[in-house]
Amino acid sequence: MVELPLAAVDRIIRKATGIRVSEEAAKALTDYLEEVGMNVSREASVYAKHANRKTITDADIRLATKK
């Protein structure tokens, strides 16, 4: 389930390191970031539901990333 564009992840890696990036490296980071994003989203939804909201807010995401 690839949602993040490889080109964007490639740019992130190049910006952080200043060196070339293989497609496999960008794909590996994409997979990891998507997994982390799914976990953060699930945790944020718990906070939103606890507050009796149907909308996840930036505060929910911030709380979820601190956990």
PDB file of N, CA and C in Angstrom:
ATOM      1  N   MET A   1       0.841  -1.177   0.000  1.00  0.00           N
ATOM      2  CA  MET A   1       0.000   0.000   0.000  1.00  0.00           C
ATOM      3  C   MET A   1       0.890   1.246   0.000  1.00  0.00           C
ATOM      4  N   VAL A   2       1.302   1.672  -1.157  1.00  0.00           N
ATOM      5  CA  VAL A   2       2.179   2.832  -1.271  1.00  0.00           C
ATOM      6  C   VAL A   2       1.331   4.087  -1.446  1.00  0.00           C
ATOM      7  N   GLU A   3       1.432   4.976  -0.485  1.00  0.00           N
ATOM      8  CA  GLU A   3       0.700   6.242  -0.537  1.00  0.00           C
ATOM      9  C   GLU A   3       1.653   7.424  -0.730  1.00  0.00           C
ATOM     10  N   LEU A   4       2.823   7.343  -0.120  1.00  0.00           N
ATOM     11  CA  LEU A   4       3.787   8.429  -0.232  1.00  0.00           C
ATOM     12  C   LEU A   4       4.558   8.308  -1.538  1.00  0.00           C
ATOM     13  N   PRO A   5       4.706   9.391  -2.270  1.00  0.00           N
ATOM     14  CA  PRO A   5       5.473   9.338  -3.509  1.00  0.00           C
ATOM     15  C   PRO A   5       6.967   9.127  -3.234  1.00  0.00           C
ATOM     16  N   LEU A   6       7.564   8.240  -3.994  1.00  0.00           N
ATOM     17  CA  LEU A   6       8.998   7.965  -3.834  1.00  0.00           C
ATOM     18  C   LEU A   6       9.838   9.219  -4.046  1.00  0.00           C
ATOM     19  N   ALA A   7       9.427  10.065  -4.981  1.00  0.00           N
ATOM     20  CA  ALA A   7      10.196  11.284  -5.260  1.00  0.00           C
ATOM     21  C   ALA A   7      10.261  12.188  -4.031  1.00  0.00           C
ATOM     22  N   ALA A   8       9.161  12.284  -3.307  1.00  0.00           N
ATOM     23  CA  ALA A   8       9.149  13.125  -2.109  1.00  0.00           C
ATOM     24  C   ALA A   8      10.072  12.564  -1.031  1.00  0.00           C
ATOM     25  N   VAL A   9      10.037  11.257  -0.862  1.00  0.00           N
ATOM     26  CA  VAL A   9      10.901  10.621   0.129  1.00  0.00           C
ATOM     27  C   VAL A   9      12.363  10.742  -0.297  1.00  0.00           C
ATOM     28  N   ASP A  10      12.624  10.607  -1.582  1.00  0.00           N
ATOM     29  CA  ASP A  10      13.975  10.794  -2.106  1.00  0.00           C
ATOM     30  C   ASP A  10      14.482  12.190  -1.763  1.00  0.00           C
ATOM     31  N   ARG A  11      13.644  13.209  -1.949  1.00  0.00           N
ATOM     32  CA  ARG A  11      14.042  14.591  -1.635  1.00  0.00           C
ATOM     33  C   ARG A  11      14.331  14.762  -0.144  1.00  0.00           C
ATOM     34  N   ILE A  12      13.524  14.120   0.698  1.00  0.00           N
ATOM     35  CA  ILE A  12      13.749  14.214   2.146  1.00  0.00           C
ATOM     36  C   ILE A  12      15.114  13.642   2.504  1.00  0.00           C
ATOM     37  N   ILE A  13      15.420  12.473   1.968  1.00  0.00           N
ATOM     38  CA  ILE A  13      16.708  11.842   2.265  1.00  0.00           C
ATOM     39  C   ILE A  13      17.862  12.702   1.743  1.00  0.00           C
ATOM     40  N   ARG A  14      17.739  13.178   0.489  1.00  0.00           N
ATOM     41  CA  ARG A  14      18.811  14.007  -0.085  1.00  0.00           C
ATOM     42  C   ARG A  14      19.000  15.300   0.694  1.00  0.00           C
ATOM     43  N   LYS A  15      17.891  15.894   1.146  1.00  0.00           N
ATOM     44  CA  LYS A  15      17.978  17.137   1.923  1.00  0.00           C
ATOM     45  C   LYS A  15      18.681  16.887   3.259  1.00  0.00           C
ATOM     46  N   ALA A  16      18.427  15.730   3.862  1.00  0.00           N
ATOM     47  CA  ALA A  16      19.026  15.408   5.149  1.00  0.00           C
ATOM     48  C   ALA A  16      20.487  15.002   5.041  1.00  0.00           C
ATOM     49  N   THR A  17      20.850  14.395   3.899  1.00  0.00           N
ATOM     50  CA  THR A  17      22.195  13.828   3.795  1.00  0.00           C
ATOM     51  C   THR A  17      23.094  14.506   2.771  1.00  0.00           C
ATOM     52  N   GLY A  18      22.495  15.036   1.715  1.00  0.00           N
ATOM     53  CA  GLY A  18      23.273  15.652   0.652  1.00  0.00           C
ATOM     54  C   GLY A  18      23.890  14.664  -0.315  1.00  0.00           C
ATOM     55  N   ILE A  19      23.506  13.391  -0.221  1.00  0.00           N
ATOM     56  CA  ILE A  19      24.059  12.394  -1.135  1.00  0.00           C
ATOM     57  C   ILE A  19      22.939  11.714  -1.923  1.00  0.00           C
ATOM     58  N   ARG A  20      23.341  10.994  -2.977  1.00  0.00           N
ATOM     59  CA  ARG A  20      22.370  10.316  -3.831  1.00  0.00           C
ATOM     60  C   ARG A  20      21.667   9.204  -3.065  1.00  0.00           C
ATOM     61  N   VAL A  21      20.472   8.856  -3.545  1.00  0.00           N
ATOM     62  CA  VAL A  21      19.640   7.865  -2.863  1.00  0.00           C
ATOM     63  C   VAL A  21      19.196   6.822  -3.869  1.00  0.00           C
ATOM     64  N   SER A  22      19.334   5.555  -3.516  1.00  0.00           N
ATOM     65  CA  SER A  22      18.841   4.500  -4.409  1.00  0.00           C
ATOM     66  C   SER A  22      17.324   4.418  -4.288  1.00  0.00           C
ATOM     67  N   GLU A  23      16.703   3.905  -5.322  1.00  0.00           N
ATOM     68  CA  GLU A  23      15.256   3.735  -5.308  1.00  0.00           C
ATOM     69  C   GLU A  23      14.844   2.782  -4.185  1.00  0.00           C
ATOM     70  N   GLU A  24      15.668   1.755  -3.941  1.00  0.00           N
ATOM     71  CA  GLU A  24      15.363   0.792  -2.884  1.00  0.00           C
ATOM     72  C   GLU A  24      15.400   1.459  -1.506  1.00  0.00           C
ATOM     73  N   ALA A  25      16.340   2.384  -1.305  1.00  0.00           N
ATOM     74  CA  ALA A  25      16.426   3.102  -0.033  1.00  0.00           C
ATOM     75  C   ALA A  25      15.197   3.984   0.176  1.00  0.00           C
ATOM     76  N   ALA A  26      14.793   4.677  -0.865  1.00  0.00           N
ATOM     77  CA  ALA A  26      13.598   5.526  -0.774  1.00  0.00           C
ATOM     78  C   ALA A  26      12.364   4.669  -0.505  1.00  0.00           C
ATOM     79  N   LYS A  27      12.273   3.509  -1.145  1.00  0.00           N
ATOM     80  CA  LYS A  27      11.144   2.597  -0.938  1.00  0.00           C
ATOM     81  C   LYS A  27      11.128   2.088   0.499  1.00  0.00           C
ATOM     82  N   ALA A  28      12.296   1.735   1.034  1.00  0.00           N
ATOM     83  CA  ALA A  28      12.373   1.242   2.406  1.00  0.00           C
ATOM     84  C   ALA A  28      11.908   2.303   3.398  1.00  0.00           C
ATOM     85  N   LEU A  29      12.350   3.546   3.192  1.00  0.00           N
ATOM     86  CA  LEU A  29      11.916   4.617   4.084  1.00  0.00           C
ATOM     87  C   LEU A  29      10.428   4.894   3.906  1.00  0.00           C
ATOM     88  N   THR A  30       9.932   4.818   2.687  1.00  0.00           N
ATOM     89  CA  THR A  30       8.501   5.010   2.429  1.00  0.00           C
ATOM     90  C   THR A  30       7.680   3.992   3.207  1.00  0.00           C
ATOM     91  N   ASP A  31       8.079   2.731   3.152  1.00  0.00           N
ATOM     92  CA  ASP A  31       7.359   1.684   3.878  1.00  0.00           C
ATOM     93  C   ASP A  31       7.345   1.963   5.376  1.00  0.00           C
ATOM     94  N   TYR A  32       8.510   2.359   5.909  1.00  0.00           N
ATOM     95  CA  TYR A  32       8.608   2.643   7.336  1.00  0.00           C
ATOM     96  C   TYR A  32       7.747   3.842   7.728  1.00  0.00           C
ATOM     97  N   LEU A  33       7.821   4.915   6.949  1.00  0.00           N
ATOM     98  CA  LEU A  33       7.045   6.122   7.261  1.00  0.00           C
ATOM     99  C   LEU A  33       5.550   5.860   7.193  1.00  0.00           C
ATOM    100  N   GLU A  34       5.122   5.034   6.248  1.00  0.00           N
ATOM    101  CA  GLU A  34       3.706   4.702   6.150  1.00  0.00           C
ATOM    102  C   GLU A  34       3.255   3.900   7.366  1.00  0.00           C
ATOM    103  N   GLU A  35       4.096   2.983   7.831  1.00  0.00           N
ATOM    104  CA  GLU A  35       3.757   2.195   9.013  1.00  0.00           C
ATOM    105  C   GLU A  35       3.652   3.082  10.251  1.00  0.00           C
ATOM    106  N   VAL A  36       4.622   3.967  10.417  1.00  0.00           N
ATOM    107  CA  VAL A  36       4.605   4.888  11.550  1.00  0.00           C
ATOM    108  C   VAL A  36       3.384   5.809  11.455  1.00  0.00           C
ATOM    109  N   GLY A  37       3.106   6.298  10.270  1.00  0.00           N
ATOM    110  CA  GLY A  37       1.945   7.177  10.074  1.00  0.00           C
ATOM    111  C   GLY A  37       0.628   6.490  10.410  1.00  0.00           C
ATOM    112  N   MET A  38       0.508   5.229  10.050  1.00  0.00           N
ATOM    113  CA  MET A  38      -0.702   4.472  10.385  1.00  0.00           C
ATOM    114  C   MET A  38      -0.835   4.322  11.894  1.00  0.00           C
ATOM    115  N   ASN A  39       0.259   4.008  12.571  1.00  0.00           N
ATOM    116  CA  ASN A  39       0.221   3.846  14.027  1.00  0.00           C
ATOM    117  C   ASN A  39      -0.128   5.152  14.728  1.00  0.00           C
ATOM    118  N   VAL A  40       0.462   6.244  14.292  1.00  0.00           N
ATOM    119  CA  VAL A  40       0.156   7.554  14.880  1.00  0.00           C
ATOM    120  C   VAL A  40      -1.311   7.905  14.629  1.00  0.00           C
ATOM    121  N   SER A  41      -1.801   7.626  13.447  1.00  0.00           N
ATOM    122  CA  SER A  41      -3.197   7.929  13.120  1.00  0.00           C
ATOM    123  C   SER A  41      -4.162   7.138  13.994  1.00  0.00           C
ATOM    124  N   ARG A  42      -3.855   5.863  14.191  1.00  0.00           N
ATOM    125  CA  ARG A  42      -4.720   5.037  15.056  1.00  0.00           C
ATOM    126  C   ARG A  42      -4.747   5.589  16.481  1.00  0.00           C
ATOM    127  N   GLU A  43      -3.575   5.929  16.996  1.00  0.00           N
ATOM    128  CA  GLU A  43      -3.505   6.474  18.351  1.00  0.00           C
ATOM    129  C   GLU A  43      -4.236   7.818  18.433  1.00  0.00           C
ATOM    130  N   ALA A  44      -4.085   8.661  17.436  1.00  0.00           N
ATOM    131  CA  ALA A  44      -4.769   9.956  17.416  1.00  0.00           C
ATOM    132  C   ALA A  44      -6.282   9.773  17.374  1.00  0.00           C
ATOM    133  N   SER A  45      -6.743   8.743  16.683  1.00  0.00           N
ATOM    134  CA  SER A  45      -8.195   8.507  16.632  1.00  0.00           C
ATOM    135  C   SER A  45      -8.735   8.118  17.999  1.00  0.00           C
ATOM    136  N   VAL A  46      -7.928   7.438  18.801  1.00  0.00           N
ATOM    137  CA  VAL A  46      -8.340   7.099  20.165  1.00  0.00           C
ATOM    138  C   VAL A  46      -8.547   8.375  20.975  1.00  0.00           C
ATOM    139  N   TYR A  47      -7.624   9.332  20.829  1.00  0.00           N
ATOM    140  CA  TYR A  47      -7.768  10.606  21.545  1.00  0.00           C
ATOM    141  C   TYR A  47      -8.997  11.375  21.077  1.00  0.00           C
ATOM    142  N   ALA A  48      -9.250  11.383  19.792  1.00  0.00           N
ATOM    143  CA  ALA A  48     -10.424  12.091  19.267  1.00  0.00           C
ATOM    144  C   ALA A  48     -11.712  11.441  19.775  1.00  0.00           C
ATOM    145  N   LYS A  49     -11.774  10.115  19.740  1.00  0.00           N
ATOM    146  CA  LYS A  49     -12.964   9.413  20.227  1.00  0.00           C
ATOM    147  C   LYS A  49     -13.173   9.658  21.710  1.00  0.00           C
ATOM    148  N   HIS A  50     -12.076   9.677  22.471  1.00  0.00           N
ATOM    149  CA  HIS A  50     -12.179   9.933  23.908  1.00  0.00           C
ATOM    150  C   HIS A  50     -12.773  11.311  24.174  1.00  0.00           C
ATOM    151  N   ALA A  51     -12.479  12.263  23.308  1.00  0.00           N
ATOM    152  CA  ALA A  51     -13.000  13.628  23.445  1.00  0.00           C
ATOM    153  C   ALA A  51     -14.371  13.772  22.769  1.00  0.00           C
ATOM    154  N   ASN A  52     -14.967  12.648  22.363  1.00  0.00           N
ATOM    155  CA  ASN A  52     -16.276  12.645  21.696  1.00  0.00           C
ATOM    156  C   ASN A  52     -16.281  13.473  20.418  1.00  0.00           C
ATOM    157  N   ARG A  53     -15.190  13.370  19.659  1.00  0.00           N
ATOM    158  CA  ARG A  53     -15.101  14.050  18.377  1.00  0.00           C
ATOM    159  C   ARG A  53     -14.981  13.028  17.272  1.00  0.00           C
ATOM    160  N   LYS A  54     -15.433  13.409  16.079  1.00  0.00           N
ATOM    161  CA  LYS A  54     -15.290  12.574  14.898  1.00  0.00           C
ATOM    162  C   LYS A  54     -14.149  13.057  14.018  1.00  0.00           C
ATOM    163  N   THR A  55     -13.484  14.123  14.455  1.00  0.00           N
ATOM    164  CA  THR A  55     -12.396  14.720  13.684  1.00  0.00           C
ATOM    165  C   THR A  55     -11.102  14.646  14.474  1.00  0.00           C
ATOM    166  N   ILE A  56     -10.054  14.153  13.830  1.00  0.00           N
ATOM    167  CA  ILE A  56      -8.726  14.143  14.440  1.00  0.00           C
ATOM    168  C   ILE A  56      -8.117  15.524  14.247  1.00  0.00           C
ATOM    169  N   THR A  57      -7.626  16.104  15.330  1.00  0.00           N
ATOM    170  CA  THR A  57      -7.038  17.445  15.269  1.00  0.00           C
ATOM    171  C   THR A  57      -5.513  17.353  15.331  1.00  0.00           C
ATOM    172  N   ASP A  58      -4.874  18.485  15.098  1.00  0.00           N
ATOM    173  CA  ASP A  58      -3.421  18.526  15.198  1.00  0.00           C
ATOM    174  C   ASP A  58      -2.964  18.198  16.612  1.00  0.00           C
ATOM    175  N   ALA A  59      -3.742  18.573  17.607  1.00  0.00           N
ATOM    176  CA  ALA A  59      -3.399  18.257  18.992  1.00  0.00           C
ATOM    177  C   ALA A  59      -3.400  16.751  19.223  1.00  0.00           C
ATOM    178  N   ASP A  60      -4.335  16.039  18.597  1.00  0.00           N
ATOM    179  CA  ASP A  60      -4.383  14.590  18.716  1.00  0.00           C
ATOM    180  C   ASP A  60      -3.123  13.965  18.114  1.00  0.00           C
ATOM    181  N   ILE A  61      -2.722  14.475  16.958  1.00  0.00           N
ATOM    182  CA  ILE A  61      -1.518  13.960  16.298  1.00  0.00           C
ATOM    183  C   ILE A  61      -0.292  14.247  17.176  1.00  0.00           C
ATOM    184  N   ARG A  62      -0.199  15.452  17.723  1.00  0.00           N
ATOM    185  CA  ARG A  62       0.938  15.781  18.577  1.00  0.00           C
ATOM    186  C   ARG A  62       1.003  14.859  19.805  1.00  0.00           C
ATOM    187  N   LEU A  63      -0.155  14.628  20.437  1.00  0.00           N
ATOM    188  CA  LEU A  63      -0.188  13.726  21.585  1.00  0.00           C
ATOM    189  C   LEU A  63       0.238  12.313  21.179  1.00  0.00           C
ATOM    190  N   ALA A  64      -0.239  11.860  20.049  1.00  0.00           N
ATOM    191  CA  ALA A  64       0.074  10.510  19.586  1.00  0.00           C
ATOM    192  C   ALA A  64       1.559  10.352  19.266  1.00  0.00           C
ATOM    193  N   THR A  65       2.189  11.400  18.767  1.00  0.00           N
ATOM    194  CA  THR A  65       3.611  11.296  18.436  1.00  0.00           C
ATOM    195  C   THR A  65       4.492  11.350  19.672  1.00  0.00           C
ATOM    196  N   LYS A  66       3.973  11.884  20.761  1.00  0.00           N
ATOM    197  CA  LYS A  66       4.743  11.923  22.013  1.00  0.00           C
ATOM    198  C   LYS A  66       4.752  10.579  22.718  1.00  0.00           C
ATOM    199  N   LYS A  67       3.782   9.752  22.406  1.00  0.00           N
ATOM    200  CA  LYS A  67       3.672   8.449  23.063  1.00  0.00           C
ATOM    201  C   LYS A  67       4.689   7.479  22.550  1.00  0.00           C
TER     202      LYS A  67
END
